[in-house]
Amino acid sequence: MSTDQQYGSPTTAGSTNGLSTAGFVTGLLGALLSWFPIAGIILGILGVVLGGVGVSQGKRTGARTGLGVAGIVLGAIAIVIAVALIAVVASDA
């Protein structure tokens, strides 16, 4: 029995994909750095896009999609906070 047959190939159900992880990381960084609006918006958009692609790939290959969904949610939160902060600062001007 080969190692792949014994432990499963890397693309079996239960594995994660790199784009979901990247979406989570960029979404988390966007949420943490959303107090700097430009960084929050850029990282938030990256988190939403990479998380969405990761979820799509995960559904197609059977990999886990939790980190991708978390990246989408955190990216959206980062965008909302950054845009709200820009609106507050612009209204004072």
PDB file of N, CA and C in Angstrom:
ATOM      1  N   MET A   1       0.848  -1.176   0.000  1.00  0.00           N
ATOM      2  CA  MET A   1       0.000   0.000   0.000  1.00  0.00           C
ATOM      3  C   MET A   1       0.891   1.235   0.000  1.00  0.00           C
ATOM      4  N   SER A   2       0.638   2.133  -0.911  1.00  0.00           N
ATOM      5  CA  SER A   2       1.458   3.334  -0.997  1.00  0.00           C
ATOM      6  C   SER A   2       1.041   4.342   0.073  1.00  0.00           C
ATOM      7  N   THR A   3       1.855   5.341   0.262  1.00  0.00           N
ATOM      8  CA  THR A   3       1.570   6.360   1.265  1.00  0.00           C
ATOM      9  C   THR A   3       0.298   7.125   0.919  1.00  0.00           C
ATOM     10  N   ASP A   4       0.077   7.415  -0.369  1.00  0.00           N
ATOM     11  CA  ASP A   4      -1.128   8.138  -0.775  1.00  0.00           C
ATOM     12  C   ASP A   4      -2.384   7.335  -0.486  1.00  0.00           C
ATOM     13  N   GLN A   5      -2.326   6.038  -0.677  1.00  0.00           N
ATOM     14  CA  GLN A   5      -3.500   5.213  -0.413  1.00  0.00           C
ATOM     15  C   GLN A   5      -3.762   5.105   1.083  1.00  0.00           C
ATOM     16  N   GLN A   6      -2.696   5.090   1.872  1.00  0.00           N
ATOM     17  CA  GLN A   6      -2.856   4.932   3.300  1.00  0.00           C
ATOM     18  C   GLN A   6      -3.392   6.201   3.955  1.00  0.00           C
ATOM     19  N   TYR A   7      -2.850   7.328   3.608  1.00  0.00           N
ATOM     20  CA  TYR A   7      -3.210   8.570   4.260  1.00  0.00           C
ATOM     21  C   TYR A   7      -4.118   9.463   3.427  1.00  0.00           C
ATOM     22  N   GLY A   8      -4.373   9.144   2.208  1.00  0.00           N
ATOM     23  CA  GLY A   8      -5.201   9.974   1.335  1.00  0.00           C
ATOM     24  C   GLY A   8      -4.357  11.003   0.616  1.00  0.00           C
ATOM     25  N   SER A   9      -4.821  11.392  -0.532  1.00  0.00           N
ATOM     26  CA  SER A   9      -4.087  12.393  -1.295  1.00  0.00           C
ATOM     27  C   SER A   9      -4.357  13.771  -0.713  1.00  0.00           C
ATOM     28  N   PRO A  10      -3.538  14.768  -1.024  1.00  0.00           N
ATOM     29  CA  PRO A  10      -3.718  16.099  -0.457  1.00  0.00           C
ATOM     30  C   PRO A  10      -5.031  16.770  -0.844  1.00  0.00           C
ATOM     31  N   THR A  11      -5.700  16.304  -1.879  1.00  0.00           N
ATOM     32  CA  THR A  11      -6.932  16.966  -2.300  1.00  0.00           C
ATOM     33  C   THR A  11      -8.179  16.230  -1.821  1.00  0.00           C
ATOM     34  N   THR A  12      -8.052  15.329  -0.869  1.00  0.00           N
ATOM     35  CA  THR A  12      -9.231  14.636  -0.370  1.00  0.00           C
ATOM     36  C   THR A  12     -10.017  15.551   0.556  1.00  0.00           C
ATOM     37  N   ALA A  13     -11.242  15.143   0.860  1.00  0.00           N
ATOM     38  CA  ALA A  13     -12.075  15.926   1.758  1.00  0.00           C
ATOM     39  C   ALA A  13     -11.372  16.053   3.102  1.00  0.00           C
ATOM     40  N   GLY A  14     -11.450  17.210   3.676  1.00  0.00           N
ATOM     41  CA  GLY A  14     -10.786  17.456   4.931  1.00  0.00           C
ATOM     42  C   GLY A  14      -9.534  18.303   4.776  1.00  0.00           C
ATOM     43  N   SER A  15      -9.027  18.436   3.580  1.00  0.00           N
ATOM     44  CA  SER A  15      -7.864  19.291   3.376  1.00  0.00           C
ATOM     45  C   SER A  15      -8.339  20.715   3.118  1.00  0.00           C
ATOM     46  N   THR A  16      -7.440  21.635   3.281  1.00  0.00           N
ATOM     47  CA  THR A  16      -7.771  23.031   2.987  1.00  0.00           C
ATOM     48  C   THR A  16      -7.017  23.443   1.732  1.00  0.00           C
ATOM     49  N   ASN A  17      -7.456  24.527   1.138  1.00  0.00           N
ATOM     50  CA  ASN A  17      -6.726  25.004  -0.037  1.00  0.00           C
ATOM     51  C   ASN A  17      -6.060  26.337   0.284  1.00  0.00           C
ATOM     52  N   GLY A  18      -5.051  26.655  -0.474  1.00  0.00           N
ATOM     53  CA  GLY A  18      -4.246  27.838  -0.203  1.00  0.00           C
ATOM     54  C   GLY A  18      -4.993  29.144  -0.371  1.00  0.00           C
ATOM     55  N   LEU A  19      -5.923  29.196  -1.305  1.00  0.00           N
ATOM     56  CA  LEU A  19      -6.647  30.449  -1.523  1.00  0.00           C
ATOM     57  C   LEU A  19      -7.584  30.759  -0.365  1.00  0.00           C
ATOM     58  N   SER A  20      -8.182  29.742   0.240  1.00  0.00           N
ATOM     59  CA  SER A  20      -9.017  29.973   1.423  1.00  0.00           C
ATOM     60  C   SER A  20      -8.170  30.523   2.561  1.00  0.00           C
ATOM     61  N   THR A  21      -6.989  29.947   2.739  1.00  0.00           N
ATOM     62  CA  THR A  21      -6.088  30.422   3.787  1.00  0.00           C
ATOM     63  C   THR A  21      -5.642  31.851   3.506  1.00  0.00           C
ATOM     64  N   ALA A  22      -5.298  32.139   2.268  1.00  0.00           N
ATOM     65  CA  ALA A  22      -4.887  33.495   1.904  1.00  0.00           C
ATOM     66  C   ALA A  22      -6.036  34.486   2.100  1.00  0.00           C
ATOM     67  N   GLY A  23      -7.252  34.081   1.757  1.00  0.00           N
ATOM     68  CA  GLY A  23      -8.406  34.945   1.977  1.00  0.00           C
ATOM     69  C   GLY A  23      -8.632  35.233   3.444  1.00  0.00           C
ATOM     70  N   PHE A  24      -8.455  34.203   4.278  1.00  0.00           N
ATOM     71  CA  PHE A  24      -8.611  34.399   5.722  1.00  0.00           C
ATOM     72  C   PHE A  24      -7.557  35.351   6.265  1.00  0.00           C
ATOM     73  N   VAL A  25      -6.317  35.141   5.871  1.00  0.00           N
ATOM     74  CA  VAL A  25      -5.225  35.972   6.382  1.00  0.00           C
ATOM     75  C   VAL A  25      -5.398  37.427   5.949  1.00  0.00           C
ATOM     76  N   THR A  26      -5.702  37.654   4.678  1.00  0.00           N
ATOM     77  CA  THR A  26      -5.863  39.037   4.219  1.00  0.00           C
ATOM     78  C   THR A  26      -7.121  39.676   4.809  1.00  0.00           C
ATOM     79  N   GLY A  27      -8.184  38.895   4.987  1.00  0.00           N
ATOM     80  CA  GLY A  27      -9.380  39.432   5.630  1.00  0.00           C
ATOM     81  C   GLY A  27      -9.126  39.803   7.079  1.00  0.00           C
ATOM     82  N   LEU A  28      -8.381  38.951   7.787  1.00  0.00           N
ATOM     83  CA  LEU A  28      -8.046  39.239   9.181  1.00  0.00           C
ATOM     84  C   LEU A  28      -7.150  40.464   9.286  1.00  0.00           C
ATOM     85  N   LEU A  29      -6.137  40.543   8.431  1.00  0.00           N
ATOM     86  CA  LEU A  29      -5.274  41.727   8.437  1.00  0.00           C
ATOM     87  C   LEU A  29      -6.058  42.983   8.072  1.00  0.00           C
ATOM     88  N   GLY A  30      -6.980  42.853   7.126  1.00  0.00           N
ATOM     89  CA  GLY A  30      -7.812  44.000   6.767  1.00  0.00           C
ATOM     90  C   GLY A  30      -8.672  44.458   7.928  1.00  0.00           C
ATOM     91  N   ALA A  31      -9.230  43.509   8.683  1.00  0.00           N
ATOM     92  CA  ALA A  31     -10.053  43.878   9.840  1.00  0.00           C
ATOM     93  C   ALA A  31      -9.206  44.533  10.929  1.00  0.00           C
ATOM     94  N   LEU A  32      -8.009  43.999  11.137  1.00  0.00           N
ATOM     95  CA  LEU A  32      -7.138  44.577  12.161  1.00  0.00           C
ATOM     96  C   LEU A  32      -6.591  45.940  11.753  1.00  0.00           C
ATOM     97  N   LEU A  33      -6.347  46.127  10.460  1.00  0.00           N
ATOM     98  CA  LEU A  33      -5.768  47.384   9.977  1.00  0.00           C
ATOM     99  C   LEU A  33      -6.814  48.321   9.362  1.00  0.00           C
ATOM    100  N   SER A  34      -8.077  48.058   9.621  1.00  0.00           N
ATOM    101  CA  SER A  34      -9.119  48.896   9.008  1.00  0.00           C
ATOM    102  C   SER A  34      -9.135  50.308   9.574  1.00  0.00           C
ATOM    103  N   TRP A  35      -8.387  50.539  10.648  1.00  0.00           N
ATOM    104  CA  TRP A  35      -8.292  51.899  11.185  1.00  0.00           C
ATOM    105  C   TRP A  35      -7.406  52.765  10.291  1.00  0.00           C
ATOM    106  N   PHE A  36      -6.666  52.123   9.399  1.00  0.00           N
ATOM    107  CA  PHE A  36      -5.942  52.809   8.330  1.00  0.00           C
ATOM    108  C   PHE A  36      -6.746  52.521   7.065  1.00  0.00           C
ATOM    109  N   PRO A  37      -7.635  53.429   6.672  1.00  0.00           N
ATOM    110  CA  PRO A  37      -8.656  53.116   5.665  1.00  0.00           C
ATOM    111  C   PRO A  37      -8.141  52.527   4.358  1.00  0.00           C
ATOM    112  N   ILE A  38      -7.042  53.013   3.838  1.00  0.00           N
ATOM    113  CA  ILE A  38      -6.543  52.490   2.567  1.00  0.00           C
ATOM    114  C   ILE A  38      -6.148  51.021   2.726  1.00  0.00           C
ATOM    115  N   ALA A  39      -5.415  50.708   3.784  1.00  0.00           N
ATOM    116  CA  ALA A  39      -5.007  49.323   4.039  1.00  0.00           C
ATOM    117  C   ALA A  39      -6.220  48.442   4.291  1.00  0.00           C
ATOM    118  N   GLY A  40      -7.193  48.949   5.042  1.00  0.00           N
ATOM    119  CA  GLY A  40      -8.392  48.178   5.332  1.00  0.00           C
ATOM    120  C   GLY A  40      -9.197  47.857   4.085  1.00  0.00           C
ATOM    121  N   ILE A  41      -9.324  48.815   3.202  1.00  0.00           N
ATOM    122  CA  ILE A  41     -10.096  48.592   1.977  1.00  0.00           C
ATOM    123  C   ILE A  41      -9.360  47.623   1.046  1.00  0.00           C
ATOM    124  N   ILE A  42      -8.069  47.828   0.860  1.00  0.00           N
ATOM    125  CA  ILE A  42      -7.322  46.955  -0.052  1.00  0.00           C
ATOM    126  C   ILE A  42      -7.292  45.526   0.475  1.00  0.00           C
ATOM    127  N   LEU A  43      -6.938  45.354   1.746  1.00  0.00           N
ATOM    128  CA  LEU A  43      -6.872  44.010   2.315  1.00  0.00           C
ATOM    129  C   LEU A  43      -8.259  43.381   2.433  1.00  0.00           C
ATOM    130  N   GLY A  44      -9.273  44.198   2.692  1.00  0.00           N
ATOM    131  CA  GLY A  44     -10.635  43.674   2.749  1.00  0.00           C
ATOM    132  C   GLY A  44     -11.106  43.152   1.407  1.00  0.00           C
ATOM    133  N   ILE A  45     -10.826  43.901   0.357  1.00  0.00           N
ATOM    134  CA  ILE A  45     -11.198  43.449  -0.985  1.00  0.00           C
ATOM    135  C   ILE A  45     -10.448  42.167  -1.343  1.00  0.00           C
ATOM    136  N   LEU A  46      -9.157  42.124  -1.027  1.00  0.00           N
ATOM    137  CA  LEU A  46      -8.384  40.902  -1.281  1.00  0.00           C
ATOM    138  C   LEU A  46      -8.946  39.713  -0.501  1.00  0.00           C
ATOM    139  N   GLY A  47      -9.351  39.954   0.751  1.00  0.00           N
ATOM    140  CA  GLY A  47      -9.921  38.881   1.557  1.00  0.00           C
ATOM    141  C   GLY A  47     -11.217  38.351   0.980  1.00  0.00           C
ATOM    142  N   VAL A  48     -12.065  39.246   0.506  1.00  0.00           N
ATOM    143  CA  VAL A  48     -13.339  38.828  -0.094  1.00  0.00           C
ATOM    144  C   VAL A  48     -13.096  38.047  -1.388  1.00  0.00           C
ATOM    145  N   VAL A  49     -12.221  38.563  -2.229  1.00  0.00           N
ATOM    146  CA  VAL A  49     -11.962  37.909  -3.517  1.00  0.00           C
ATOM    147  C   VAL A  49     -11.281  36.554  -3.330  1.00  0.00           C
ATOM    148  N   LEU A  50     -10.198  36.540  -2.559  1.00  0.00           N
ATOM    149  CA  LEU A  50      -9.481  35.277  -2.360  1.00  0.00           C
ATOM    150  C   LEU A  50     -10.327  34.264  -1.595  1.00  0.00           C
ATOM    151  N   GLY A  51     -11.091  34.741  -0.625  1.00  0.00           N
ATOM    152  CA  GLY A  51     -11.978  33.836   0.101  1.00  0.00           C
ATOM    153  C   GLY A  51     -13.062  33.268  -0.800  1.00  0.00           C
ATOM    154  N   GLY A  52     -13.614  34.088  -1.674  1.00  0.00           N
ATOM    155  CA  GLY A  52     -14.636  33.607  -2.610  1.00  0.00           C
ATOM    156  C   GLY A  52     -14.093  32.580  -3.580  1.00  0.00           C
ATOM    157  N   VAL A  53     -12.901  32.836  -4.105  1.00  0.00           N
ATOM    158  CA  VAL A  53     -12.285  31.864  -5.007  1.00  0.00           C
ATOM    159  C   VAL A  53     -11.943  30.580  -4.252  1.00  0.00           C
ATOM    160  N   GLY A  54     -11.487  30.722  -3.016  1.00  0.00           N
ATOM    161  CA  GLY A  54     -11.172  29.553  -2.206  1.00  0.00           C
ATOM    162  C   GLY A  54     -12.395  28.706  -1.891  1.00  0.00           C
ATOM    163  N   VAL A  55     -13.522  29.346  -1.606  1.00  0.00           N
ATOM    164  CA  VAL A  55     -14.767  28.609  -1.368  1.00  0.00           C
ATOM    165  C   VAL A  55     -15.203  27.890  -2.637  1.00  0.00           C
ATOM    166  N   SER A  56     -15.094  28.577  -3.761  1.00  0.00           N
ATOM    167  CA  SER A  56     -15.463  27.966  -5.037  1.00  0.00           C
ATOM    168  C   SER A  56     -14.601  26.742  -5.330  1.00  0.00           C
ATOM    169  N   GLN A  57     -13.294  26.880  -5.148  1.00  0.00           N
ATOM    170  CA  GLN A  57     -12.398  25.749  -5.370  1.00  0.00           C
ATOM    171  C   GLN A  57     -12.665  24.621  -4.381  1.00  0.00           C
ATOM    172  N   GLY A  58     -12.932  24.986  -3.140  1.00  0.00           N
ATOM    173  CA  GLY A  58     -13.185  23.979  -2.125  1.00  0.00           C
ATOM    174  C   GLY A  58     -14.424  23.159  -2.412  1.00  0.00           C
ATOM    175  N   LYS A  59     -15.473  23.819  -2.881  1.00  0.00           N
ATOM    176  CA  LYS A  59     -16.690  23.085  -3.231  1.00  0.00           C
ATOM    177  C   LYS A  59     -16.455  22.167  -4.425  1.00  0.00           C
ATOM    178  N   ARG A  60     -15.623  22.613  -5.359  1.00  0.00           N
ATOM    179  CA  ARG A  60     -15.361  21.814  -6.543  1.00  0.00           C
ATOM    180  C   ARG A  60     -14.483  20.602  -6.230  1.00  0.00           C
ATOM    181  N   THR A  61     -13.488  20.793  -5.345  1.00  0.00           N
ATOM    182  CA  THR A  61     -12.553  19.709  -5.053  1.00  0.00           C
ATOM    183  C   THR A  61     -12.904  18.932  -3.797  1.00  0.00           C
ATOM    184  N   GLY A  62     -13.841  19.393  -3.019  1.00  0.00           N
ATOM    185  CA  GLY A  62     -14.214  18.707  -1.792  1.00  0.00           C
ATOM    186  C   GLY A  62     -13.384  19.105  -0.588  1.00  0.00           C
ATOM    187  N   ALA A  63     -12.610  20.167  -0.699  1.00  0.00           N
ATOM    188  CA  ALA A  63     -11.796  20.647   0.422  1.00  0.00           C
ATOM    189  C   ALA A  63     -12.665  21.472   1.363  1.00  0.00           C
ATOM    190  N   ARG A  64     -12.147  21.706   2.539  1.00  0.00           N
ATOM    191  CA  ARG A  64     -12.876  22.524   3.514  1.00  0.00           C
ATOM    192  C   ARG A  64     -12.983  23.971   3.027  1.00  0.00           C
ATOM    193  N   THR A  65     -14.073  24.627   3.381  1.00  0.00           N
ATOM    194  CA  THR A  65     -14.296  25.997   2.922  1.00  0.00           C
ATOM    195  C   THR A  65     -14.437  26.991   4.071  1.00  0.00           C
ATOM    196  N   GLY A  66     -14.233  26.554   5.294  1.00  0.00           N
ATOM    197  CA  GLY A  66     -14.441  27.421   6.452  1.00  0.00           C
ATOM    198  C   GLY A  66     -13.550  28.645   6.471  1.00  0.00           C
ATOM    199  N   LEU A  67     -12.279  28.481   6.156  1.00  0.00           N
ATOM    200  CA  LEU A  67     -11.378  29.630   6.153  1.00  0.00           C
ATOM    201  C   LEU A  67     -11.741  30.618   5.048  1.00  0.00           C
ATOM    202  N   GLY A  68     -12.231  30.107   3.925  1.00  0.00           N
ATOM    203  CA  GLY A  68     -12.663  30.993   2.845  1.00  0.00           C
ATOM    204  C   GLY A  68     -13.859  31.835   3.249  1.00  0.00           C
ATOM    205  N   VAL A  69     -14.816  31.203   3.909  1.00  0.00           N
ATOM    206  CA  VAL A  69     -15.991  31.936   4.384  1.00  0.00           C
ATOM    207  C   VAL A  69     -15.583  32.971   5.431  1.00  0.00           C
ATOM    208  N   ALA A  70     -14.684  32.589   6.334  1.00  0.00           N
ATOM    209  CA  ALA A  70     -14.190  33.534   7.334  1.00  0.00           C
ATOM    210  C   ALA A  70     -13.465  34.702   6.672  1.00  0.00           C
ATOM    211  N   GLY A  71     -12.718  34.433   5.602  1.00  0.00           N
ATOM    212  CA  GLY A  71     -12.042  35.505   4.872  1.00  0.00           C
ATOM    213  C   GLY A  71     -13.023  36.465   4.230  1.00  0.00           C
ATOM    214  N   ILE A  72     -14.122  35.918   3.698  1.00  0.00           N
ATOM    215  CA  ILE A  72     -15.150  36.776   3.097  1.00  0.00           C
ATOM    216  C   ILE A  72     -15.777  37.673   4.159  1.00  0.00           C
ATOM    217  N   VAL A  73     -16.131  37.088   5.294  1.00  0.00           N
ATOM    218  CA  VAL A  73     -16.784  37.846   6.368  1.00  0.00           C
ATOM    219  C   VAL A  73     -15.836  38.900   6.930  1.00  0.00           C
ATOM    220  N   LEU A  74     -14.604  38.515   7.248  1.00  0.00           N
ATOM    221  CA  LEU A  74     -13.649  39.479   7.794  1.00  0.00           C
ATOM    222  C   LEU A  74     -13.307  40.574   6.785  1.00  0.00           C
ATOM    223  N   GLY A  75     -13.201  40.217   5.514  1.00  0.00           N
ATOM    224  CA  GLY A  75     -12.949  41.227   4.487  1.00  0.00           C
ATOM    225  C   GLY A  75     -14.087  42.229   4.373  1.00  0.00           C
ATOM    226  N   ALA A  76     -15.318  41.719   4.440  1.00  0.00           N
ATOM    227  CA  ALA A  76     -16.483  42.616   4.389  1.00  0.00           C
ATOM    228  C   ALA A  76     -16.519  43.539   5.606  1.00  0.00           C
ATOM    229  N   ILE A  77     -16.205  42.991   6.775  1.00  0.00           N
ATOM    230  CA  ILE A  77     -16.165  43.818   7.988  1.00  0.00           C
ATOM    231  C   ILE A  77     -15.088  44.896   7.853  1.00  0.00           C
ATOM    232  N   ALA A  78     -13.935  44.538   7.322  1.00  0.00           N
ATOM    233  CA  ALA A  78     -12.854  45.513   7.138  1.00  0.00           C
ATOM    234  C   ALA A  78     -13.277  46.630   6.200  1.00  0.00           C
ATOM    235  N   ILE A  79     -13.944  46.277   5.124  1.00  0.00           N
ATOM    236  CA  ILE A  79     -14.392  47.292   4.161  1.00  0.00           C
ATOM    237  C   ILE A  79     -15.413  48.221   4.800  1.00  0.00           C
ATOM    238  N   VAL A  80     -16.364  47.662   5.538  1.00  0.00           N
ATOM    239  CA  VAL A  80     -17.403  48.477   6.178  1.00  0.00           C
ATOM    240  C   VAL A  80     -16.789  49.436   7.195  1.00  0.00           C
ATOM    241  N   ILE A  81     -15.872  48.934   8.026  1.00  0.00           N
ATOM    242  CA  ILE A  81     -15.242  49.804   9.024  1.00  0.00           C
ATOM    243  C   ILE A  81     -14.437  50.907   8.350  1.00  0.00           C
ATOM    244  N   ALA A  82     -13.662  50.575   7.324  1.00  0.00           N
ATOM    245  CA  ALA A  82     -12.830  51.567   6.645  1.00  0.00           C
ATOM    246  C   ALA A  82     -13.682  52.630   5.947  1.00  0.00           C
ATOM    247  N   VAL A  83     -14.755  52.204   5.293  1.00  0.00           N
ATOM    248  CA  VAL A  83     -15.629  53.171   4.612  1.00  0.00           C
ATOM    249  C   VAL A  83     -16.349  54.055   5.631  1.00  0.00           C
ATOM    250  N   ALA A  84     -16.791  53.465   6.744  1.00  0.00           N
ATOM    251  CA  ALA A  84     -17.451  54.259   7.784  1.00  0.00           C
ATOM    252  C   ALA A  84     -16.481  55.270   8.386  1.00  0.00           C
ATOM    253  N   LEU A  85     -15.234  54.860   8.576  1.00  0.00           N
ATOM    254  CA  LEU A  85     -14.236  55.778   9.112  1.00  0.00           C
ATOM    255  C   LEU A  85     -13.962  56.919   8.143  1.00  0.00           C
ATOM    256  N   ILE A  86     -13.890  56.603   6.865  1.00  0.00           N
ATOM    257  CA  ILE A  86     -13.708  57.658   5.858  1.00  0.00           C
ATOM    258  C   ILE A  86     -14.896  58.613   5.867  1.00  0.00           C
ATOM    259  N   ALA A  87     -16.108  58.083   5.992  1.00  0.00           N
ATOM    260  CA  ALA A  87     -17.308  58.929   6.014  1.00  0.00           C
ATOM    261  C   ALA A  87     -17.323  59.837   7.239  1.00  0.00           C
ATOM    262  N   VAL A  88     -16.906  59.327   8.381  1.00  0.00           N
ATOM    263  CA  VAL A  88     -16.869  60.140   9.598  1.00  0.00           C
ATOM    264  C   VAL A  88     -15.839  61.254   9.481  1.00  0.00           C
ATOM    265  N   VAL A  89     -14.678  60.918   8.975  1.00  0.00           N
ATOM    266  CA  VAL A  89     -13.618  61.930   8.835  1.00  0.00           C
ATOM    267  C   VAL A  89     -14.016  62.963   7.780  1.00  0.00           C
ATOM    268  N   ALA A  90     -14.620  62.518   6.692  1.00  0.00           N
ATOM    269  CA  ALA A  90     -15.030  63.457   5.627  1.00  0.00           C
ATOM    270  C   ALA A  90     -16.144  64.375   6.089  1.00  0.00           C
ATOM    271  N   SER A  91     -17.018  63.896   6.988  1.00  0.00           N
ATOM    272  CA  SER A  91     -18.130  64.739   7.437  1.00  0.00           C
ATOM    273  C   SER A  91     -17.648  65.837   8.377  1.00  0.00           C
ATOM    274  N   ASP A  92     -16.516  65.646   9.016  1.00  0.00           N
ATOM    275  CA  ASP A  92     -15.963  66.682   9.895  1.00  0.00           C
ATOM    276  C   ASP A  92     -15.258  67.778   9.116  1.00  0.00           C
ATOM    277  N   ALA A  93     -14.895  67.503   7.895  1.00  0.00           N
ATOM    278  CA  ALA A  93     -14.138  68.470   7.106  1.00  0.00           C
ATOM    279  C   ALA A  93     -15.017  69.510   6.576  1.00  0.00           C
TER     280      ALA A  93
END
